[in-house]
PDB file of N, CA and C in Angstrom:
ATOM      1  N   HIS A   1       6.911  15.656 -40.311  1.00  0.00           N
ATOM      2  CA  HIS A   1       6.771  14.274 -39.890  1.00  0.00           C
ATOM      3  C   HIS A   1       7.407  14.131 -38.504  1.00  0.00           C
ATOM      4  N   LEU A   2       6.610  13.719 -37.525  1.00  0.00           N
ATOM      5  CA  LEU A   2       7.069  13.597 -36.147  1.00  0.00           C
ATOM      6  C   LEU A   2       7.448  12.156 -35.853  1.00  0.00           C
ATOM      7  N   ILE A   3       8.624  11.956 -35.316  1.00  0.00           N
ATOM      8  CA  ILE A   3       9.073  10.606 -34.945  1.00  0.00           C
ATOM      9  C   ILE A   3       8.890  10.452 -33.442  1.00  0.00           C
ATOM     10  N   MET A   4       8.146   9.418 -33.061  1.00  0.00           N
ATOM     11  CA  MET A   4       7.908   9.164 -31.640  1.00  0.00           C
ATOM     12  C   MET A   4       9.140   8.501 -31.035  1.00  0.00           C
ATOM     13  N   HIS A   5       9.553   8.997 -29.898  1.00  0.00           N
ATOM     14  CA  HIS A   5      10.693   8.408 -29.186  1.00  0.00           C
ATOM     15  C   HIS A   5      10.147   7.623 -28.000  1.00  0.00           C
ATOM     16  N   ARG A   6      10.434   6.344 -27.956  1.00  0.00           N
ATOM     17  CA  ARG A   6       9.999   5.507 -26.831  1.00  0.00           C
ATOM     18  C   ARG A   6      11.165   5.295 -25.873  1.00  0.00           C
ATOM     19  N   LEU A   7      10.822   5.289 -24.606  1.00  0.00           N
ATOM     20  CA  LEU A   7      11.816   4.976 -23.592  1.00  0.00           C
ATOM     21  C   LEU A   7      12.111   3.484 -23.631  1.00  0.00           C
ATOM     22  N   PRO A   8      13.318   3.101 -23.249  1.00  0.00           N
ATOM     23  CA  PRO A   8      13.568   1.666 -23.093  1.00  0.00           C
ATOM     24  C   PRO A   8      12.541   1.084 -22.118  1.00  0.00           C
ATOM     25  N   GLU A   9      12.200  -0.184 -22.317  1.00  0.00           N
ATOM     26  CA  GLU A   9      11.129  -0.808 -21.544  1.00  0.00           C
ATOM     27  C   GLU A   9      11.343  -0.684 -20.034  1.00  0.00           C
ATOM     28  N   ASP A  10      12.573  -0.869 -19.549  1.00  0.00           N
ATOM     29  CA  ASP A  10      12.807  -0.792 -18.110  1.00  0.00           C
ATOM     30  C   ASP A  10      12.590   0.620 -17.579  1.00  0.00           C
ATOM     31  N   GLN A  11      12.922   1.637 -18.369  1.00  0.00           N
ATOM     32  CA  GLN A  11      12.674   3.018 -17.943  1.00  0.00           C
ATOM     33  C   GLN A  11      11.183   3.328 -17.961  1.00  0.00           C
ATOM     34  N   GLU A  12      10.485   2.788 -18.947  1.00  0.00           N
ATOM     35  CA  GLU A  12       9.043   2.996 -19.027  1.00  0.00           C
ATOM     36  C   GLU A  12       8.357   2.354 -17.818  1.00  0.00           C
ATOM     37  N   GLU A  13       8.756   1.129 -17.484  1.00  0.00           N
ATOM     38  CA  GLU A  13       8.179   0.443 -16.331  1.00  0.00           C
ATOM     39  C   GLU A  13       8.497   1.196 -15.042  1.00  0.00           C
ATOM     40  N   GLU A  14       9.718   1.700 -14.940  1.00  0.00           N
ATOM     41  CA  GLU A  14      10.085   2.455 -13.746  1.00  0.00           C
ATOM     42  C   GLU A  14       9.236   3.717 -13.624  1.00  0.00           C
ATOM     43  N   GLY A  15       8.926   4.348 -14.744  1.00  0.00           N
ATOM     44  CA  GLY A  15       8.058   5.520 -14.731  1.00  0.00           C
ATOM     45  C   GLY A  15       6.662   5.171 -14.234  1.00  0.00           C
ATOM     46  N   VAL A  16       6.149   4.037 -14.678  1.00  0.00           N
ATOM     47  CA  VAL A  16       4.836   3.572 -14.211  1.00  0.00           C
ATOM     48  C   VAL A  16       4.890   3.311 -12.704  1.00  0.00           C
ATOM     49  N   LEU A  17       5.940   2.641 -12.275  1.00  0.00           N
ATOM     50  CA  LEU A  17       6.104   2.326 -10.861  1.00  0.00           C
ATOM     51  C   LEU A  17       6.188   3.597 -10.019  1.00  0.00           C
ATOM     52  N   LEU A  18       6.953   4.567 -10.470  1.00  0.00           N
ATOM     53  CA  LEU A  18       7.056   5.843  -9.752  1.00  0.00           C
ATOM     54  C   LEU A  18       5.703   6.534  -9.665  1.00  0.00           C
ATOM     55  N   ALA A  19       4.938   6.502 -10.742  1.00  0.00           N
ATOM     56  CA  ALA A  19       3.612   7.120 -10.736  1.00  0.00           C
ATOM     57  C   ALA A  19       2.692   6.417  -9.735  1.00  0.00           C
ATOM     58  N   LEU A  20       2.751   5.095  -9.700  1.00  0.00           N
ATOM     59  CA  LEU A  20       1.933   4.343  -8.745  1.00  0.00           C
ATOM     60  C   LEU A  20       2.322   4.661  -7.302  1.00  0.00           C
ATOM     61  N   LEU A  21       3.629   4.690  -7.041  1.00  0.00           N
ATOM     62  CA  LEU A  21       4.097   4.988  -5.682  1.00  0.00           C
ATOM     63  C   LEU A  21       3.760   6.421  -5.281  1.00  0.00           C
ATOM     64  N   GLU A  22       3.877   7.346  -6.224  1.00  0.00           N
ATOM     65  CA  GLU A  22       3.528   8.743  -5.931  1.00  0.00           C
ATOM     66  C   GLU A  22       2.031   8.869  -5.648  1.00  0.00           C
ATOM     67  N   GLY A  23       1.228   8.166  -6.432  1.00  0.00           N
ATOM     68  CA  GLY A  23      -0.216   8.175  -6.194  1.00  0.00           C
ATOM     69  C   GLY A  23      -0.553   7.616  -4.830  1.00  0.00           C
ATOM     70  N   PHE A  24       0.138   6.550  -4.443  1.00  0.00           N
ATOM     71  CA  PHE A  24      -0.090   5.992  -3.113  1.00  0.00           C
ATOM     72  C   PHE A  24       0.279   7.013  -2.046  1.00  0.00           C
ATOM     73  N   GLU A  25       1.446   7.615  -2.197  1.00  0.00           N
ATOM     74  CA  GLU A  25       1.928   8.566  -1.189  1.00  0.00           C
ATOM     75  C   GLU A  25       0.968   9.746  -1.035  1.00  0.00           C
ATOM     76  N   ASN A  26       0.455  10.242  -2.150  1.00  0.00           N
ATOM     77  CA  ASN A  26      -0.401  11.426  -2.116  1.00  0.00           C
ATOM     78  C   ASN A  26      -1.841  11.131  -1.736  1.00  0.00           C
ATOM     79  N   HIS A  27      -2.343   9.939  -2.065  1.00  0.00           N
ATOM     80  CA  HIS A  27      -3.764   9.689  -1.889  1.00  0.00           C
ATOM     81  C   HIS A  27      -4.089   8.603  -0.874  1.00  0.00           C
ATOM     82  N   ARG A  28      -3.300   7.563  -0.829  1.00  0.00           N
ATOM     83  CA  ARG A  28      -3.627   6.448   0.061  1.00  0.00           C
ATOM     84  C   ARG A  28      -2.862   6.473   1.375  1.00  0.00           C
ATOM     85  N   LEU A  29      -1.654   6.975   1.365  1.00  0.00           N
ATOM     86  CA  LEU A  29      -0.852   6.973   2.586  1.00  0.00           C
ATOM     87  C   LEU A  29      -1.508   7.757   3.723  1.00  0.00           C
ATOM     88  N   PRO A  30      -2.068   8.945   3.473  1.00  0.00           N
ATOM     89  CA  PRO A  30      -2.707   9.656   4.596  1.00  0.00           C
ATOM     90  C   PRO A  30      -3.811   8.821   5.269  1.00  0.00           C
ATOM     91  N   ARG A  31      -4.637   8.156   4.464  1.00  0.00           N
ATOM     92  CA  ARG A  31      -5.700   7.329   5.042  1.00  0.00           C
ATOM     93  C   ARG A  31      -5.115   6.112   5.746  1.00  0.00           C
ATOM     94  N   THR A  32      -4.080   5.519   5.177  1.00  0.00           N
ATOM     95  CA  THR A  32      -3.438   4.363   5.786  1.00  0.00           C
ATOM     96  C   THR A  32      -2.852   4.735   7.149  1.00  0.00           C
ATOM     97  N   LEU A  33      -2.196   5.884   7.226  1.00  0.00           N
ATOM     98  CA  LEU A  33      -1.624   6.334   8.503  1.00  0.00           C
ATOM     99  C   LEU A  33      -2.721   6.641   9.513  1.00  0.00           C
ATOM    100  N   HIS A  34      -3.851   7.168   9.054  1.00  0.00           N
ATOM    101  CA  HIS A  34      -4.990   7.416   9.943  1.00  0.00           C
ATOM    102  C   HIS A  34      -5.494   6.084  10.521  1.00  0.00           C
ATOM    103  N   LEU A  35      -5.575   5.056   9.673  1.00  0.00           N
ATOM    104  CA  LEU A  35      -6.024   3.750  10.159  1.00  0.00           C
ATOM    105  C   LEU A  35      -5.034   3.170  11.163  1.00  0.00           C
ATOM    106  N   ARG A  36      -3.745   3.375  10.920  1.00  0.00           N
ATOM    107  CA  ARG A  36      -2.732   2.916  11.881  1.00  0.00           C
ATOM    108  C   ARG A  36      -2.942   3.597  13.232  1.00  0.00           C
ATOM    109  N   ASP A  37      -3.141   4.907  13.199  1.00  0.00           N
ATOM    110  CA  ASP A  37      -3.355   5.648  14.445  1.00  0.00           C
ATOM    111  C   ASP A  37      -4.630   5.184  15.149  1.00  0.00           C
ATOM    112  N   LYS A  38      -5.646   4.903  14.352  1.00  0.00           N
ATOM    113  CA  LYS A  38      -6.924   4.461  14.906  1.00  0.00           C
ATOM    114  C   LYS A  38      -6.781   3.120  15.623  1.00  0.00           C
ATOM    115  N   VAL A  39      -6.147   2.139  14.967  1.00  0.00           N
ATOM    116  CA  VAL A  39      -5.992   0.829  15.619  1.00  0.00           C
ATOM    117  C   VAL A  39      -5.004   0.893  16.776  1.00  0.00           C
ATOM    118  N   ASP A  40      -3.997   1.752  16.667  1.00  0.00           N
ATOM    119  CA  ASP A  40      -3.050   1.909  17.776  1.00  0.00           C
ATOM    120  C   ASP A  40      -3.730   2.506  19.010  1.00  0.00           C
ATOM    121  N   ALA A  41      -4.825   3.230  18.791  1.00  0.00           N
ATOM    122  CA  ALA A  41      -5.595   3.810  19.897  1.00  0.00           C
ATOM    123  C   ALA A  41      -6.628   2.812  20.441  1.00  0.00           C
ATOM    124  N   GLY A  42      -6.632   1.599  19.881  1.00  0.00           N
ATOM    125  CA  GLY A  42      -7.528   0.567  20.385  1.00  0.00           C
ATOM    126  C   GLY A  42      -8.884   0.511  19.705  1.00  0.00           C
ATOM    127  N   GLU A  43      -9.073   1.295  18.666  1.00  0.00           N
ATOM    128  CA  GLU A  43     -10.362   1.319  17.975  1.00  0.00           C
ATOM    129  C   GLU A  43     -10.458   0.191  16.960  1.00  0.00           C
ATOM    130  N   THR A  44     -11.689  -0.140  16.581  1.00  0.00           N
ATOM    131  CA  THR A  44     -11.922  -1.131  15.534  1.00  0.00           C
ATOM    132  C   THR A  44     -12.128  -0.401  14.210  1.00  0.00           C
ATOM    133  N   LEU A  45     -12.044  -1.154  13.119  1.00  0.00           N
ATOM    134  CA  LEU A  45     -12.205  -0.567  11.792  1.00  0.00           C
ATOM    135  C   LEU A  45     -13.593  -0.874  11.236  1.00  0.00           C
ATOM    136  N   SER A  46     -14.106   0.059  10.449  1.00  0.00           N
ATOM    137  CA  SER A  46     -15.397  -0.127   9.797  1.00  0.00           C
ATOM    138  C   SER A  46     -15.244  -1.048   8.590  1.00  0.00           C
ATOM    139  N   GLU A  47     -16.365  -1.466   8.039  1.00  0.00           N
ATOM    140  CA  GLU A  47     -16.335  -2.306   6.829  1.00  0.00           C
ATOM    141  C   GLU A  47     -15.657  -1.566   5.679  1.00  0.00           C
ATOM    142  N   ASP A  48     -15.919  -0.260   5.538  1.00  0.00           N
ATOM    143  CA  ASP A  48     -15.285   0.538   4.484  1.00  0.00           C
ATOM    144  C   ASP A  48     -13.773   0.602   4.667  1.00  0.00           C
ATOM    145  N   GLU A  49     -13.348   0.742   5.905  1.00  0.00           N
ATOM    146  CA  GLU A  49     -11.909   0.804   6.177  1.00  0.00           C
ATOM    147  C   GLU A  49     -11.237  -0.538   5.901  1.00  0.00           C
ATOM    148  N   LEU A  50     -11.921  -1.618   6.241  1.00  0.00           N
ATOM    149  CA  LEU A  50     -11.386  -2.953   5.950  1.00  0.00           C
ATOM    150  C   LEU A  50     -11.318  -3.192   4.441  1.00  0.00           C
ATOM    151  N   ALA A  51     -12.332  -2.723   3.712  1.00  0.00           N
ATOM    152  CA  ALA A  51     -12.330  -2.853   2.253  1.00  0.00           C
ATOM    153  C   ALA A  51     -11.185  -2.042   1.645  1.00  0.00           C
ATOM    154  N   PHE A  52     -10.930  -0.860   2.192  1.00  0.00           N
ATOM    155  CA  PHE A  52      -9.811  -0.035   1.739  1.00  0.00           C
ATOM    156  C   PHE A  52      -8.498  -0.799   1.902  1.00  0.00           C
ATOM    157  N   LEU A  53      -8.303  -1.435   3.064  1.00  0.00           N
ATOM    158  CA  LEU A  53      -7.078  -2.202   3.309  1.00  0.00           C
ATOM    159  C   LEU A  53      -6.969  -3.391   2.358  1.00  0.00           C
ATOM    160  N   GLU A  54      -8.091  -4.049   2.094  1.00  0.00           N
ATOM    161  CA  GLU A  54      -8.079  -5.181   1.174  1.00  0.00           C
ATOM    162  C   GLU A  54      -7.680  -4.735  -0.237  1.00  0.00           C
ATOM    163  N   ASP A  55      -8.241  -3.609  -0.682  1.00  0.00           N
ATOM    164  CA  ASP A  55      -7.874  -3.058  -1.994  1.00  0.00           C
ATOM    165  C   ASP A  55      -6.407  -2.676  -2.039  1.00  0.00           C
ATOM    166  N   LEU A  56      -5.928  -2.107  -0.948  1.00  0.00           N
ATOM    167  CA  LEU A  56      -4.530  -1.719  -0.851  1.00  0.00           C
ATOM    168  C   LEU A  56      -3.621  -2.942  -1.004  1.00  0.00           C
ATOM    169  N   LEU A  57      -3.963  -4.007  -0.335  1.00  0.00           N
ATOM    170  CA  LEU A  57      -3.155  -5.226  -0.428  1.00  0.00           C
ATOM    171  C   LEU A  57      -3.182  -5.780  -1.854  1.00  0.00           C
ATOM    172  N   LYS A  58      -4.350  -5.826  -2.465  1.00  0.00           N
ATOM    173  CA  LYS A  58      -4.455  -6.336  -3.835  1.00  0.00           C
ATOM    174  C   LYS A  58      -3.599  -5.513  -4.789  1.00  0.00           C
ATOM    175  N   ASP A  59      -3.667  -4.186  -4.658  1.00  0.00           N
ATOM    176  CA  ASP A  59      -2.879  -3.322  -5.535  1.00  0.00           C
ATOM    177  C   ASP A  59      -1.386  -3.485  -5.287  1.00  0.00           C
ATOM    178  N   THR A  60      -1.016  -3.662  -4.033  1.00  0.00           N
ATOM    179  CA  THR A  60       0.391  -3.870  -3.685  1.00  0.00           C
ATOM    180  C   THR A  60       0.902  -5.168  -4.297  1.00  0.00           C
ATOM    181  N   GLU A  61       0.088  -6.218  -4.215  1.00  0.00           N
ATOM    182  CA  GLU A  61       0.496  -7.506  -4.789  1.00  0.00           C
ATOM    183  C   GLU A  61       0.706  -7.412  -6.299  1.00  0.00           C
ATOM    184  N   LYS A  62      -0.072  -6.559  -6.963  1.00  0.00           N
ATOM    185  CA  LYS A  62       0.037  -6.404  -8.415  1.00  0.00           C
ATOM    186  C   LYS A  62       1.383  -5.804  -8.835  1.00  0.00           C
ATOM    187  N   ILE A  63       1.952  -4.932  -7.990  1.00  0.00           N
ATOM    188  CA  ILE A  63       3.191  -4.265  -8.404  1.00  0.00           C
ATOM    189  C   ILE A  63       4.454  -4.949  -7.885  1.00  0.00           C
ATOM    190  N   ILE A  64       4.299  -6.007  -7.092  1.00  0.00           N
ATOM    191  CA  ILE A  64       5.477  -6.705  -6.571  1.00  0.00           C
ATOM    192  C   ILE A  64       6.406  -7.189  -7.684  1.00  0.00           C
ATOM    193  N   PRO A  65       5.890  -7.747  -8.801  1.00  0.00           N
ATOM    194  CA  PRO A  65       6.820  -8.146  -9.872  1.00  0.00           C
ATOM    195  C   PRO A  65       7.648  -6.970 -10.410  1.00  0.00           C
ATOM    196  N   MET A  66       7.046  -5.780 -10.484  1.00  0.00           N
ATOM    197  CA  MET A  66       7.803  -4.607 -10.937  1.00  0.00           C
ATOM    198  C   MET A  66       8.856  -4.227  -9.906  1.00  0.00           C
ATOM    199  N   ILE A  67       8.496  -4.301  -8.636  1.00  0.00           N
ATOM    200  CA  ILE A  67       9.443  -3.982  -7.556  1.00  0.00           C
ATOM    201  C   ILE A  67      10.628  -4.937  -7.615  1.00  0.00           C
ATOM    202  N   ASP A  68      10.354  -6.196  -7.900  1.00  0.00           N
ATOM    203  CA  ASP A  68      11.441  -7.181  -7.999  1.00  0.00           C
ATOM    204  C   ASP A  68      12.441  -6.811  -9.089  1.00  0.00           C
ATOM    205  N   ARG A  69      11.951  -6.176 -10.148  1.00  0.00           N
ATOM    206  CA  ARG A  69      12.839  -5.781 -11.256  1.00  0.00           C
ATOM    207  C   ARG A  69      13.502  -4.422 -11.011  1.00  0.00           C
ATOM    208  N   HIS A  70      13.048  -3.711  -9.977  1.00  0.00           N
ATOM    209  CA  HIS A  70      13.611  -2.391  -9.642  1.00  0.00           C
ATOM    210  C   HIS A  70      13.898  -2.372  -8.134  1.00  0.00           C
ATOM    211  N   PRO A  71      14.965  -3.035  -7.731  1.00  0.00           N
ATOM    212  CA  PRO A  71      15.246  -3.214  -6.300  1.00  0.00           C
ATOM    213  C   PRO A  71      15.432  -1.921  -5.517  1.00  0.00           C
ATOM    214  N   GLN A  72      15.670  -0.817  -6.194  1.00  0.00           N
ATOM    215  CA  GLN A  72      15.827   0.450  -5.481  1.00  0.00           C
ATOM    216  C   GLN A  72      14.540   0.873  -4.754  1.00  0.00           C
ATOM    217  N   TYR A  73      13.408   0.222  -5.088  1.00  0.00           N
ATOM    218  CA  TYR A  73      12.132   0.553  -4.446  1.00  0.00           C
ATOM    219  C   TYR A  73      11.700  -0.506  -3.427  1.00  0.00           C
ATOM    220  N   GLN A  74      12.544  -1.498  -3.191  1.00  0.00           N
ATOM    221  CA  GLN A  74      12.161  -2.578  -2.277  1.00  0.00           C
ATOM    222  C   GLN A  74      11.989  -2.093  -0.844  1.00  0.00           C
ATOM    223  N   ASP A  75      12.806  -1.149  -0.395  1.00  0.00           N
ATOM    224  CA  ASP A  75      12.647  -0.634   0.966  1.00  0.00           C
ATOM    225  C   ASP A  75      11.284   0.027   1.146  1.00  0.00           C
ATOM    226  N   THR A  76      10.871   0.789   0.140  1.00  0.00           N
ATOM    227  CA  THR A  76       9.564   1.444   0.193  1.00  0.00           C
ATOM    228  C   THR A  76       8.459   0.402   0.271  1.00  0.00           C
ATOM    229  N   MET A  77       8.540  -0.615  -0.572  1.00  0.00           N
ATOM    230  CA  MET A  77       7.520  -1.663  -0.582  1.00  0.00           C
ATOM    231  C   MET A  77       7.514  -2.428   0.731  1.00  0.00           C
ATOM    232  N   THR A  78       8.680  -2.722   1.260  1.00  0.00           N
ATOM    233  CA  THR A  78       8.770  -3.430   2.536  1.00  0.00           C
ATOM    234  C   THR A  78       8.089  -2.625   3.631  1.00  0.00           C
ATOM    235  N   HIS A  79       8.313  -1.319   3.648  1.00  0.00           N
ATOM    236  CA  HIS A  79       7.680  -0.443   4.642  1.00  0.00           C
ATOM    237  C   HIS A  79       6.155  -0.493   4.497  1.00  0.00           C
ATOM    238  N   LEU A  80       5.655  -0.447   3.270  1.00  0.00           N
ATOM    239  CA  LEU A  80       4.210  -0.479   3.037  1.00  0.00           C
ATOM    240  C   LEU A  80       3.604  -1.798   3.504  1.00  0.00           C
ATOM    241  N   VAL A  81       4.287  -2.897   3.205  1.00  0.00           N
ATOM    242  CA  VAL A  81       3.779  -4.211   3.605  1.00  0.00           C
ATOM    243  C   VAL A  81       3.774  -4.333   5.132  1.00  0.00           C
ATOM    244  N   HIS A  82       4.821  -3.861   5.787  1.00  0.00           N
ATOM    245  CA  HIS A  82       4.868  -3.897   7.256  1.00  0.00           C
ATOM    246  C   HIS A  82       3.752  -3.039   7.854  1.00  0.00           C
ATOM    247  N   LEU A  83       3.503  -1.892   7.259  1.00  0.00           N
ATOM    248  CA  LEU A  83       2.434  -1.011   7.732  1.00  0.00           C
ATOM    249  C   LEU A  83       1.080  -1.715   7.602  1.00  0.00           C
ATOM    250  N   TYR A  84       0.848  -2.338   6.453  1.00  0.00           N
ATOM    251  CA  TYR A  84      -0.398  -3.073   6.233  1.00  0.00           C
ATOM    252  C   TYR A  84      -0.549  -4.185   7.270  1.00  0.00           C
ATOM    253  N   HIS A  85       0.500  -4.966   7.481  1.00  0.00           N
ATOM    254  CA  HIS A  85       0.424  -6.078   8.433  1.00  0.00           C
ATOM    255  C   HIS A  85       0.215  -5.573   9.863  1.00  0.00           C
ATOM    256  N   HIS A  86       0.849  -4.468  10.226  1.00  0.00           N
ATOM    257  CA  HIS A  86       0.657  -3.897  11.559  1.00  0.00           C
ATOM    258  C   HIS A  86      -0.804  -3.512  11.760  1.00  0.00           C
ATOM    259  N   ILE A  87      -1.360  -2.812  10.785  1.00  0.00           N
ATOM    260  CA  ILE A  87      -2.753  -2.370  10.886  1.00  0.00           C
ATOM    261  C   ILE A  87      -3.683  -3.579  10.966  1.00  0.00           C
ATOM    262  N   SER A  88      -3.458  -4.563  10.115  1.00  0.00           N
ATOM    263  CA  SER A  88      -4.314  -5.752  10.090  1.00  0.00           C
ATOM    264  C   SER A  88      -4.266  -6.514  11.409  1.00  0.00           C
ATOM    265  N   ALA A  89      -3.067  -6.739  11.916  1.00  0.00           N
ATOM    266  CA  ALA A  89      -2.918  -7.495  13.162  1.00  0.00           C
ATOM    267  C   ALA A  89      -3.548  -6.740  14.333  1.00  0.00           C
ATOM    268  N   LYS A  90      -3.302  -5.452  14.390  1.00  0.00           N
ATOM    269  CA  LYS A  90      -3.842  -4.646  15.487  1.00  0.00           C
ATOM    270  C   LYS A  90      -5.363  -4.541  15.385  1.00  0.00           C
ATOM    271  N   ALA A  91      -5.883  -4.423  14.166  1.00  0.00           N
ATOM    272  CA  ALA A  91      -7.334  -4.358  13.979  1.00  0.00           C
ATOM    273  C   ALA A  91      -7.983  -5.650  14.452  1.00  0.00           C
ATOM    274  N   LEU A  92      -7.374  -6.793  14.135  1.00  0.00           N
ATOM    275  CA  LEU A  92      -7.902  -8.082  14.582  1.00  0.00           C
ATOM    276  C   LEU A  92      -7.863  -8.176  16.105  1.00  0.00           C
ATOM    277  N   GLU A  93      -6.772  -7.752  16.689  1.00  0.00           N
ATOM    278  CA  GLU A  93      -6.634  -7.756  18.148  1.00  0.00           C
ATOM    279  C   GLU A  93      -7.725  -6.882  18.782  1.00  0.00           C
ATOM    280  N   ASN A  94      -7.947  -5.696  18.211  1.00  0.00           N
ATOM    281  CA  ASN A  94      -8.961  -4.784  18.748  1.00  0.00           C
ATOM    282  C   ASN A  94     -10.367  -5.356  18.593  1.00  0.00           C
ATOM    283  N   GLU A  95     -10.616  -6.009  17.467  1.00  0.00           N
ATOM    284  CA  GLU A  95     -11.931  -6.614  17.217  1.00  0.00           C
ATOM    285  C   GLU A  95     -12.193  -7.733  18.227  1.00  0.00           C
ATOM    286  N   LYS A  96     -11.177  -8.540  18.481  1.00  0.00           N
ATOM    287  CA  LYS A  96     -11.318  -9.624  19.461  1.00  0.00           C
ATOM    288  C   LYS A  96     -11.607  -9.052  20.849  1.00  0.00           C
ATOM    289  N   ALA A  97     -10.898  -7.983  21.215  1.00  0.00           N
ATOM    290  CA  ALA A  97     -11.093  -7.354  22.516  1.00  0.00           C
ATOM    291  C   ALA A  97     -12.506  -6.759  22.630  1.00  0.00           C
ATOM    292  N   ALA A  98     -12.982  -6.172  21.540  1.00  0.00           N
ATOM    293  CA  ALA A  98     -14.305  -5.527  21.537  1.00  0.00           C
ATOM    294  C   ALA A  98     -15.433  -6.556  21.629  1.00  0.00           C
ATOM    295  N   THR A  99     -15.200  -7.734  21.080  1.00  0.00           N
ATOM    296  CA  THR A  99     -16.247  -8.751  21.086  1.00  0.00           C
ATOM    297  C   THR A  99     -16.062  -9.773  22.207  1.00  0.00           C
ATOM    298  N   GLY A 100     -15.013  -9.595  22.984  1.00  0.00           N
ATOM    299  CA  GLY A 100     -14.786 -10.470  24.121  1.00  0.00           C
ATOM    300  C   GLY A 100     -14.270 -11.856  23.770  1.00  0.00           C
ATOM    301  N   LEU A 101     -13.640 -11.986  22.628  1.00  0.00           N
ATOM    302  CA  LEU A 101     -13.092 -13.296  22.218  1.00  0.00           C
ATOM    303  C   LEU A 101     -11.713 -13.524  22.772  1.00  0.00           C
TER     304      LEU A 101
END
């Protein structure tokens, strides 16, 4: 007879949060940094790239309540939000320049 051992809820949530952050670091961060470099070079973003950023923001907003309960990850989240805002602002600036607005 096997007895299942459950982690305390806060440890379980922290494990989920770590998995999400690791997934971001391994899969989304490289593309996000590429977009930062692209807009910093004065280029505009494609519709697919803009959709990627929108999805990134939505996913980030979903985990903010978990981050609030695990303040040790707030610096990481703050960095991600600043990166998103930098890319968004620069992309808008580049789009305006490209269209002559």
